[in-house]
N, C-alpha and C. Protein backbone atom coordinates (compact mmCIF):
# COMPACT_ATOMS: atom_id res chain seq x y z
N MET A 1 86.61 132.13 101.08
CA MET A 1 87.73 132.60 101.85
C MET A 1 88.71 131.44 102.04
N ASN A 2 89.94 131.63 101.60
CA ASN A 2 90.98 130.62 101.75
C ASN A 2 91.80 130.89 103.00
N ILE A 3 91.84 129.91 103.86
CA ILE A 3 92.65 130.03 105.06
C ILE A 3 93.74 128.97 104.97
N PRO A 4 95.00 129.39 104.92
CA PRO A 4 96.07 128.40 104.84
C PRO A 4 96.10 127.53 106.10
N PHE A 5 96.38 126.26 105.88
CA PHE A 5 96.45 125.32 106.99
C PHE A 5 97.68 124.46 106.77
N THR A 6 98.55 124.44 107.74
CA THR A 6 99.77 123.63 107.62
C THR A 6 99.94 122.77 108.86
N THR A 7 100.65 121.67 108.66
CA THR A 7 100.97 120.78 109.77
C THR A 7 102.16 121.35 110.51
N PRO A 8 102.48 120.81 111.68
CA PRO A 8 103.67 121.27 112.40
C PRO A 8 104.96 121.10 111.58
N ASN A 9 104.96 120.15 110.61
CA ASN A 9 106.13 119.96 109.74
C ASN A 9 106.15 120.94 108.58
N GLY A 10 105.11 121.73 108.45
CA GLY A 10 105.06 122.71 107.37
C GLY A 10 104.35 122.22 106.13
N ASP A 11 103.78 121.00 106.15
CA ASP A 11 103.04 120.50 104.99
C ASP A 11 101.73 121.24 104.87
N GLU A 12 101.45 121.70 103.64
CA GLU A 12 100.20 122.41 103.40
C GLU A 12 99.05 121.42 103.34
N MET A 13 97.96 121.70 103.99
CA MET A 13 96.80 120.83 104.05
C MET A 13 95.62 121.48 103.35
N VAL A 14 94.67 120.64 102.95
CA VAL A 14 93.46 121.12 102.29
C VAL A 14 92.26 120.54 103.03
N ILE A 15 91.29 121.35 103.27
CA ILE A 15 90.05 120.91 103.87
C ILE A 15 88.96 121.09 102.83
N LEU A 16 88.17 120.04 102.63
CA LEU A 16 87.10 120.12 101.65
C LEU A 16 85.90 119.33 102.12
N PRO A 17 84.74 119.63 101.58
CA PRO A 17 83.52 118.92 101.97
C PRO A 17 83.63 117.42 101.65
N ARG A 18 82.96 116.60 102.45
CA ARG A 18 83.02 115.14 102.30
C ARG A 18 82.59 114.72 100.90
N ALA A 19 81.57 115.35 100.35
CA ALA A 19 81.08 114.98 99.01
C ALA A 19 82.17 115.17 97.96
N GLU A 20 82.93 116.24 98.07
CA GLU A 20 84.03 116.47 97.12
C GLU A 20 85.14 115.45 97.32
N TYR A 21 85.43 115.12 98.57
CA TYR A 21 86.44 114.09 98.86
C TYR A 21 86.01 112.75 98.26
N ASP A 22 84.74 112.38 98.44
CA ASP A 22 84.23 111.12 97.89
C ASP A 22 84.35 111.09 96.36
N LYS A 23 84.08 112.23 95.72
CA LYS A 23 84.22 112.31 94.26
C LYS A 23 85.68 112.09 93.84
N LEU A 24 86.62 112.65 94.59
CA LEU A 24 88.04 112.46 94.29
C LEU A 24 88.45 110.99 94.43
N ILE A 25 87.97 110.35 95.47
CA ILE A 25 88.27 108.93 95.68
C ILE A 25 87.69 108.10 94.54
N GLN A 26 86.45 108.39 94.17
CA GLN A 26 85.80 107.66 93.09
C GLN A 26 86.57 107.86 91.77
N ALA A 27 87.00 109.08 91.51
CA ALA A 27 87.76 109.37 90.29
C ALA A 27 89.09 108.62 90.31
N SER A 28 89.71 108.54 91.46
CA SER A 28 90.98 107.82 91.59
C SER A 28 90.79 106.33 91.33
N GLU A 29 89.72 105.75 91.89
CA GLU A 29 89.44 104.34 91.66
C GLU A 29 89.12 104.08 90.20
N MET A 30 88.39 104.99 89.58
CA MET A 30 88.07 104.86 88.16
C MET A 30 89.34 104.93 87.32
N ALA A 31 90.24 105.82 87.68
CA ALA A 31 91.51 105.94 86.96
C ALA A 31 92.31 104.65 87.08
N GLN A 32 92.29 104.03 88.24
CA GLN A 32 92.99 102.75 88.42
C GLN A 32 92.35 101.66 87.55
N ASP A 33 91.02 101.65 87.47
CA ASP A 33 90.33 100.67 86.63
C ASP A 33 90.68 100.89 85.16
N VAL A 34 90.71 102.13 84.74
CA VAL A 34 91.04 102.45 83.36
C VAL A 34 92.47 102.02 83.05
N ALA A 35 93.38 102.27 83.97
CA ALA A 35 94.78 101.86 83.78
C ALA A 35 94.89 100.34 83.68
N ALA A 36 94.16 99.62 84.52
CA ALA A 36 94.18 98.15 84.47
C ALA A 36 93.61 97.66 83.14
N PHE A 37 92.56 98.29 82.67
CA PHE A 37 91.98 97.93 81.38
C PHE A 37 92.97 98.19 80.26
N ASP A 38 93.64 99.32 80.30
CA ASP A 38 94.63 99.64 79.27
C ASP A 38 95.78 98.64 79.27
N ARG A 39 96.22 98.22 80.47
CA ARG A 39 97.28 97.19 80.55
C ARG A 39 96.80 95.89 79.93
N PHE A 40 95.56 95.51 80.21
CA PHE A 40 95.01 94.28 79.64
C PHE A 40 94.94 94.38 78.12
N LYS A 41 94.46 95.52 77.62
CA LYS A 41 94.37 95.69 76.16
C LYS A 41 95.73 95.55 75.50
N ALA A 42 96.76 96.09 76.12
CA ALA A 42 98.11 95.99 75.58
C ALA A 42 98.58 94.54 75.57
N LYS A 43 98.31 93.82 76.65
CA LYS A 43 98.69 92.40 76.72
C LYS A 43 97.91 91.58 75.70
N LEU A 44 96.65 91.94 75.51
CA LEU A 44 95.83 91.24 74.52
C LEU A 44 96.39 91.47 73.12
N ALA A 45 96.75 92.70 72.83
CA ALA A 45 97.31 93.03 71.51
C ALA A 45 98.64 92.33 71.26
N SER A 46 99.43 92.14 72.32
CA SER A 46 100.74 91.51 72.16
C SER A 46 100.68 89.99 72.21
N GLY A 47 99.50 89.44 72.51
CA GLY A 47 99.35 87.99 72.58
C GLY A 47 99.63 87.40 73.95
N GLU A 48 99.92 88.25 74.93
CA GLU A 48 100.17 87.75 76.29
C GLU A 48 98.87 87.34 76.99
N GLU A 49 97.76 87.87 76.56
CA GLU A 49 96.45 87.55 77.11
C GLU A 49 95.54 87.15 75.96
N GLU A 50 94.48 86.45 76.28
CA GLU A 50 93.50 86.08 75.27
C GLU A 50 92.11 86.11 75.86
N LEU A 51 91.15 86.24 75.00
CA LEU A 51 89.75 86.17 75.40
C LEU A 51 89.23 84.79 75.02
N ILE A 52 88.48 84.18 75.92
CA ILE A 52 87.89 82.90 75.58
C ILE A 52 86.37 83.07 75.58
N PRO A 53 85.69 82.31 74.74
CA PRO A 53 84.23 82.43 74.70
C PRO A 53 83.61 82.08 76.05
N ALA A 54 82.52 82.74 76.36
CA ALA A 54 81.83 82.54 77.64
C ALA A 54 81.46 81.08 77.83
N GLU A 55 81.13 80.39 76.76
CA GLU A 55 80.76 78.97 76.85
C GLU A 55 81.83 78.16 77.59
N PHE A 56 83.10 78.42 77.29
CA PHE A 56 84.19 77.69 77.92
C PHE A 56 84.42 78.16 79.35
N ALA A 57 84.34 79.46 79.56
CA ALA A 57 84.52 80.00 80.92
C ALA A 57 83.43 79.48 81.85
N TYR A 58 82.19 79.44 81.37
CA TYR A 58 81.09 78.95 82.21
C TYR A 58 81.25 77.47 82.53
N ARG A 59 81.78 76.71 81.61
CA ARG A 59 82.01 75.28 81.89
C ARG A 59 82.97 75.12 83.06
N ILE A 60 84.03 75.91 83.08
CA ILE A 60 84.98 75.84 84.20
C ILE A 60 84.31 76.32 85.48
N LEU A 61 83.58 77.44 85.40
CA LEU A 61 82.89 77.97 86.58
C LEU A 61 81.85 76.99 87.12
N ASP A 62 81.28 76.19 86.23
CA ASP A 62 80.27 75.20 86.65
C ASP A 62 80.89 73.94 87.21
N GLY A 63 82.23 73.89 87.28
CA GLY A 63 82.89 72.76 87.92
C GLY A 63 83.47 71.71 87.00
N GLU A 64 83.36 71.93 85.70
CA GLU A 64 83.95 70.96 84.77
C GLU A 64 85.47 71.03 84.88
N ASN A 65 86.13 69.91 84.63
CA ASN A 65 87.59 69.86 84.75
C ASN A 65 88.23 70.88 83.80
N PRO A 66 89.02 71.83 84.35
CA PRO A 66 89.61 72.87 83.50
C PRO A 66 90.55 72.31 82.43
N LEU A 67 91.26 71.24 82.75
CA LEU A 67 92.15 70.65 81.76
C LEU A 67 91.37 70.20 80.53
N ARG A 68 90.26 69.53 80.76
CA ARG A 68 89.43 69.07 79.63
C ARG A 68 88.88 70.27 78.85
N VAL A 69 88.40 71.27 79.56
CA VAL A 69 87.83 72.44 78.89
C VAL A 69 88.89 73.12 78.02
N TRP A 70 90.09 73.34 78.56
CA TRP A 70 91.15 73.97 77.78
C TRP A 70 91.56 73.09 76.60
N ARG A 71 91.62 71.78 76.81
CA ARG A 71 91.98 70.88 75.71
C ARG A 71 90.97 71.01 74.58
N GLN A 72 89.70 71.00 74.94
CA GLN A 72 88.66 71.11 73.92
C GLN A 72 88.67 72.49 73.27
N TYR A 73 88.92 73.54 74.06
CA TYR A 73 89.00 74.89 73.50
C TYR A 73 90.14 74.98 72.48
N ARG A 74 91.24 74.32 72.76
CA ARG A 74 92.39 74.32 71.85
C ARG A 74 92.21 73.32 70.70
N LYS A 75 91.05 72.65 70.69
CA LYS A 75 90.70 71.70 69.63
C LYS A 75 91.70 70.56 69.52
N LEU A 76 92.09 70.03 70.67
CA LEU A 76 92.98 68.88 70.72
C LEU A 76 92.20 67.67 71.21
N SER A 77 92.40 66.54 70.58
CA SER A 77 91.81 65.30 71.10
C SER A 77 92.62 64.87 72.31
N ALA A 78 92.02 64.03 73.12
CA ALA A 78 92.74 63.51 74.28
C ALA A 78 93.97 62.74 73.81
N GLN A 79 93.82 61.96 72.76
CA GLN A 79 94.93 61.18 72.21
C GLN A 79 96.07 62.10 71.76
N ASN A 80 95.72 63.18 71.09
CA ASN A 80 96.72 64.12 70.58
C ASN A 80 97.46 64.81 71.72
N LEU A 81 96.71 65.30 72.71
CA LEU A 81 97.33 65.98 73.84
C LEU A 81 98.22 65.03 74.62
N ALA A 82 97.73 63.82 74.84
CA ALA A 82 98.52 62.83 75.58
C ALA A 82 99.83 62.53 74.84
N ALA A 83 99.74 62.37 73.54
CA ALA A 83 100.95 62.08 72.75
C ALA A 83 101.94 63.24 72.85
N LYS A 84 101.47 64.46 72.76
CA LYS A 84 102.35 65.63 72.85
C LYS A 84 103.02 65.71 74.22
N ALA A 85 102.29 65.27 75.26
CA ALA A 85 102.82 65.33 76.62
C ALA A 85 103.64 64.09 76.98
N GLY A 86 103.63 63.11 76.12
CA GLY A 86 104.38 61.89 76.40
C GLY A 86 103.74 61.01 77.46
N ILE A 87 102.42 61.05 77.55
CA ILE A 87 101.69 60.21 78.51
C ILE A 87 100.64 59.41 77.75
N SER A 88 100.06 58.43 78.40
CA SER A 88 99.02 57.65 77.73
C SER A 88 97.69 58.42 77.76
N ALA A 89 96.86 58.12 76.78
CA ALA A 89 95.53 58.73 76.74
C ALA A 89 94.72 58.30 77.96
N ALA A 90 94.96 57.08 78.43
CA ALA A 90 94.24 56.58 79.61
C ALA A 90 94.60 57.41 80.85
N TYR A 91 95.89 57.73 80.98
CA TYR A 91 96.33 58.56 82.13
C TYR A 91 95.71 59.95 82.03
N LEU A 92 95.71 60.52 80.84
CA LEU A 92 95.09 61.84 80.66
C LEU A 92 93.62 61.77 81.02
N SER A 93 92.93 60.73 80.61
CA SER A 93 91.52 60.56 80.93
C SER A 93 91.31 60.49 82.44
N GLU A 94 92.18 59.78 83.12
CA GLU A 94 92.06 59.68 84.58
C GLU A 94 92.27 61.03 85.25
N ILE A 95 93.17 61.84 84.70
CA ILE A 95 93.38 63.19 85.25
C ILE A 95 92.13 64.03 85.01
N GLU A 96 91.61 63.98 83.79
CA GLU A 96 90.45 64.80 83.44
C GLU A 96 89.19 64.40 84.20
N THR A 97 89.08 63.12 84.56
CA THR A 97 87.89 62.68 85.29
C THR A 97 88.06 62.76 86.80
N GLY A 98 89.28 63.15 87.25
CA GLY A 98 89.53 63.29 88.67
C GLY A 98 89.88 61.99 89.37
N LYS A 99 90.05 60.92 88.62
CA LYS A 99 90.42 59.64 89.23
C LYS A 99 91.85 59.66 89.73
N LYS A 100 92.69 60.45 89.07
CA LYS A 100 94.08 60.58 89.48
C LYS A 100 94.48 62.04 89.41
N ASP A 101 95.40 62.40 90.29
CA ASP A 101 96.02 63.72 90.19
C ASP A 101 97.23 63.55 89.28
N GLY A 102 97.39 64.44 88.37
CA GLY A 102 98.59 64.39 87.54
C GLY A 102 99.79 64.83 88.36
N SER A 103 100.94 64.26 88.05
CA SER A 103 102.15 64.70 88.73
C SER A 103 102.42 66.15 88.34
N LEU A 104 103.20 66.81 89.15
CA LEU A 104 103.50 68.22 88.87
C LEU A 104 104.17 68.37 87.52
N SER A 105 105.11 67.50 87.20
CA SER A 105 105.82 67.61 85.92
C SER A 105 104.87 67.40 84.75
N VAL A 106 103.93 66.45 84.87
CA VAL A 106 102.96 66.21 83.80
C VAL A 106 102.03 67.40 83.66
N MET A 107 101.55 67.93 84.78
CA MET A 107 100.64 69.07 84.72
C MET A 107 101.32 70.29 84.13
N LYS A 108 102.60 70.51 84.46
CA LYS A 108 103.34 71.62 83.86
C LYS A 108 103.45 71.44 82.35
N GLN A 109 103.73 70.20 81.93
CA GLN A 109 103.85 69.90 80.51
C GLN A 109 102.52 70.15 79.79
N LEU A 110 101.44 69.70 80.39
CA LEU A 110 100.12 69.90 79.77
C LEU A 110 99.79 71.39 79.68
N ALA A 111 100.09 72.14 80.73
CA ALA A 111 99.83 73.59 80.71
C ALA A 111 100.64 74.25 79.60
N GLU A 112 101.88 73.86 79.45
CA GLU A 112 102.73 74.44 78.42
C GLU A 112 102.17 74.14 77.03
N ILE A 113 101.75 72.91 76.80
CA ILE A 113 101.19 72.54 75.50
C ILE A 113 99.92 73.33 75.22
N LEU A 114 99.09 73.50 76.24
CA LEU A 114 97.83 74.22 76.08
C LEU A 114 98.01 75.74 76.10
N LYS A 115 99.23 76.20 76.38
CA LYS A 115 99.54 77.64 76.43
C LYS A 115 98.70 78.37 77.48
N VAL A 116 98.67 77.75 78.68
CA VAL A 116 97.99 78.34 79.81
C VAL A 116 98.90 78.20 81.02
N SER A 117 98.55 78.88 82.10
CA SER A 117 99.33 78.73 83.33
C SER A 117 98.91 77.45 84.03
N LEU A 118 99.77 76.96 84.88
CA LEU A 118 99.45 75.77 85.66
C LEU A 118 98.18 76.01 86.48
N ASP A 119 98.04 77.20 87.02
CA ASP A 119 96.84 77.55 87.80
C ASP A 119 95.56 77.40 86.97
N ASP A 120 95.66 77.64 85.67
CA ASP A 120 94.47 77.58 84.82
C ASP A 120 93.92 76.16 84.67
N ILE A 121 94.76 75.16 84.85
CA ILE A 121 94.27 73.79 84.62
C ILE A 121 94.12 72.98 85.91
N ILE A 122 94.47 73.58 87.03
CA ILE A 122 94.34 72.85 88.31
C ILE A 122 93.06 73.26 89.00
């Protein structure tokens, strides 16, 4: 039996069992996840995103310096990366070992060379 239910403003309302409501919420969340996955796939196909091997991701998660990990993932020697950034290899080594913080301009340059965001190497 359908009984119409409206708000004082005239909006039509629906009453349904909690289990059905929960299924709708779950389906909505799943649809959002699928949409996010589809956006990622499109970015991956266009080259805006990339997948990195778990070995490199775990190194960063385990606390290794992200700059060093990305440099090695990109198969650049410290000497090569330093030369491209216009800094000394010794300075790059000090940044990678945490002895010195790189200046913002140097870190931006390194991120650009490595094709990652600044957040990825800090």
